[in-house]
C-alpha cells in the first residue's frame, strides 16, 4: 500500500477519533453512551496508530530507516489504549483517566500539531 493510501486511511480514522475524544472529554463520564463512544474511540485510535506505523517518516531523523520521532506517539497510543480499557474494566478509574488524558494529549494534540507543521503531508494538503 502506498504512503498516500495509508495517509488517507489514517486521516479517515483520526478525524472521527478526534471529534469523539473531544466530545468525551467534555461530557459526563460513566454513562452508557460514554462507554460505547469510548470503545469506538479506542478502536479508532488503535487502528489509526497501527496504520501510522506503516507510514515511513518523511521529516527528520529515521530510526531503522523507517520510524521518526512522531512514531513514538503511535507506540504511546498502542500502549495507552489497553491500559485505559483494562483499568476501567477493573474499576481503576484514576488510571483509566490518566491513560485517556495521555492518549488524547499525546495521540491527538501533540501528534496533530506535528502533523500540521510545514513539510508534513497534512500541512501541504491544508495550506499549500
Protein backbone atom coordinates (compact mmCIF):
# COMPACT_ATOMS: atom_id res chain seq x y z
CA UNK A 1 0.00 0.00 0.00
CA UNK A 2 1.34 3.42 -0.88
CA UNK A 3 2.18 6.16 1.59
CA UNK A 4 -0.68 8.26 0.25
CA UNK A 5 -3.22 5.45 0.67
CA UNK A 6 -2.03 4.90 4.25
CA UNK A 7 -2.29 8.63 4.90
CA UNK A 8 -5.91 8.67 3.73
CA UNK A 9 -6.77 5.68 5.93
CA UNK A 10 -5.02 7.32 8.86
CA UNK A 11 -6.93 10.57 8.31
CA UNK A 12 -10.28 8.78 7.95
CA UNK A 13 -9.78 7.16 11.37
CA UNK A 14 -8.10 10.01 13.23
CA UNK A 15 -10.64 12.75 12.38
CA UNK A 16 -13.64 10.94 13.90
CA UNK A 17 -11.43 9.84 16.80
CA UNK A 18 -10.56 13.48 17.44
CA UNK A 19 -14.20 14.51 17.38
CA UNK A 20 -15.31 11.66 19.64
CA UNK A 21 -12.37 12.15 22.02
CA UNK A 22 -13.09 15.86 22.33
CA UNK A 23 -16.75 15.13 22.99
CA UNK A 24 -15.88 12.53 25.64
CA UNK A 25 -13.56 14.88 27.49
CA UNK A 26 -16.33 17.44 27.98
CA UNK A 27 -19.29 15.19 28.76
CA UNK A 28 -20.42 13.16 31.76
CA UNK A 29 -18.32 10.07 32.46
CA UNK A 30 -19.50 6.53 33.13
CA UNK A 31 -22.77 6.74 31.20
CA UNK A 32 -23.72 4.03 28.71
CA UNK A 33 -23.08 6.43 25.82
CA UNK A 34 -19.66 7.33 27.29
CA UNK A 35 -18.76 3.65 27.40
CA UNK A 36 -20.00 2.97 23.85
CA UNK A 37 -18.31 6.01 22.34
CA UNK A 38 -15.20 5.29 24.40
CA UNK A 39 -14.91 1.85 22.81
CA UNK A 40 -15.33 3.35 19.33
CA UNK A 41 -12.72 5.99 20.18
CA UNK A 42 -10.27 3.36 21.39
CA UNK A 43 -10.74 1.19 18.29
CA UNK A 44 -10.27 4.18 16.00
CA UNK A 45 -7.15 5.24 17.89
CA UNK A 46 -5.63 1.75 17.76
CA UNK A 47 -6.37 1.42 14.06
CA UNK A 48 -5.01 4.90 13.36
CA UNK A 49 -1.82 4.29 15.36
CA UNK A 50 -1.25 0.91 13.74
CA UNK A 51 -1.74 2.39 10.28
CA UNK A 52 0.74 5.16 11.04
CA UNK A 53 3.44 2.61 11.86
CA UNK A 54 3.42 1.52 8.22
CA UNK A 55 3.97 5.10 7.06
CA UNK A 56 7.66 5.90 6.69
CA UNK A 57 8.70 9.13 8.41
CA UNK A 58 9.01 11.95 5.90
CA UNK A 59 10.60 14.58 8.16
CA UNK A 60 13.59 14.42 10.50
CA UNK A 61 15.88 11.60 11.53
CA UNK A 62 14.95 7.99 10.82
CA UNK A 63 15.31 5.02 13.15
CA UNK A 64 15.73 1.67 11.43
CA UNK A 65 15.34 3.52 8.14
CA UNK A 66 11.60 3.96 8.69
CA UNK A 67 10.46 5.41 12.02
CA UNK A 68 10.58 9.04 13.08
CA UNK A 69 10.02 10.69 16.43
CA UNK A 70 6.31 11.08 15.69
CA UNK A 71 6.03 7.27 15.70
CA UNK A 72 6.71 7.35 19.45
CA UNK A 73 3.20 8.76 19.80
CA UNK A 74 1.82 5.76 17.89
CA UNK A 75 3.55 3.46 20.36
CA UNK A 76 2.14 5.56 23.22
CA UNK A 77 -1.33 5.02 21.75
CA UNK A 78 -0.86 1.28 21.34
CA UNK A 79 0.21 1.13 25.00
CA UNK A 80 -2.33 3.59 26.46
CA UNK A 81 -5.47 2.14 24.89
CA UNK A 82 -5.27 -1.33 26.51
CA UNK A 83 -4.14 0.21 29.81
CA UNK A 84 -7.13 2.57 29.78
CA UNK A 85 -9.56 -0.17 28.77
CA UNK A 86 -8.46 -2.72 31.37
CA UNK A 87 -8.18 -0.05 34.05
CA UNK A 88 -11.81 0.90 33.51
CA UNK A 89 -12.86 -2.76 33.43
CA UNK A 90 -11.06 -3.37 36.74
CA UNK A 91 -12.51 -0.26 38.37
CA UNK A 92 -9.25 1.70 38.44
CA UNK A 93 -10.87 4.89 37.17
CA UNK A 94 -7.94 7.09 38.19
CA UNK A 95 -5.55 5.09 35.99
CA UNK A 96 -8.16 4.96 33.20
CA UNK A 97 -8.49 8.74 33.30
CA UNK A 98 -4.71 9.29 33.31
CA UNK A 99 -4.27 6.95 30.35
CA UNK A 100 -7.08 8.58 28.38
CA UNK A 101 -5.74 12.08 29.03
CA UNK A 102 -2.24 10.95 27.96
CA UNK A 103 -3.77 9.33 24.87
CA UNK A 104 -5.72 12.45 23.92
CA UNK A 105 -2.90 14.90 24.62
CA UNK A 106 -0.15 12.78 23.05
CA UNK A 107 -2.06 10.94 20.38
CA UNK A 108 -4.26 13.83 19.30
CA UNK A 109 -2.97 17.23 20.33
CA UNK A 110 0.80 16.68 20.10
CA UNK A 111 0.68 14.37 17.07
CA UNK A 112 -1.84 16.67 15.39
CA UNK A 113 0.38 19.67 15.99
CA UNK A 114 3.35 17.86 14.46
CA UNK A 115 1.21 16.74 11.50
CA UNK A 116 0.30 20.35 10.77
CA UNK A 117 3.91 21.57 10.67
CA UNK A 118 5.47 22.68 7.37
CA UNK A 119 6.96 19.81 5.38
CA UNK A 120 4.34 17.32 6.50
CA UNK A 121 1.66 15.94 4.20
CA UNK A 122 -1.31 17.27 6.16
CA UNK A 123 0.18 20.76 6.17
CA UNK A 124 0.59 20.57 2.40
CA UNK A 125 -2.98 19.32 1.93
CA UNK A 126 -4.45 22.11 4.04
CA UNK A 127 -2.21 25.11 3.48
CA UNK A 128 -0.30 24.78 0.18
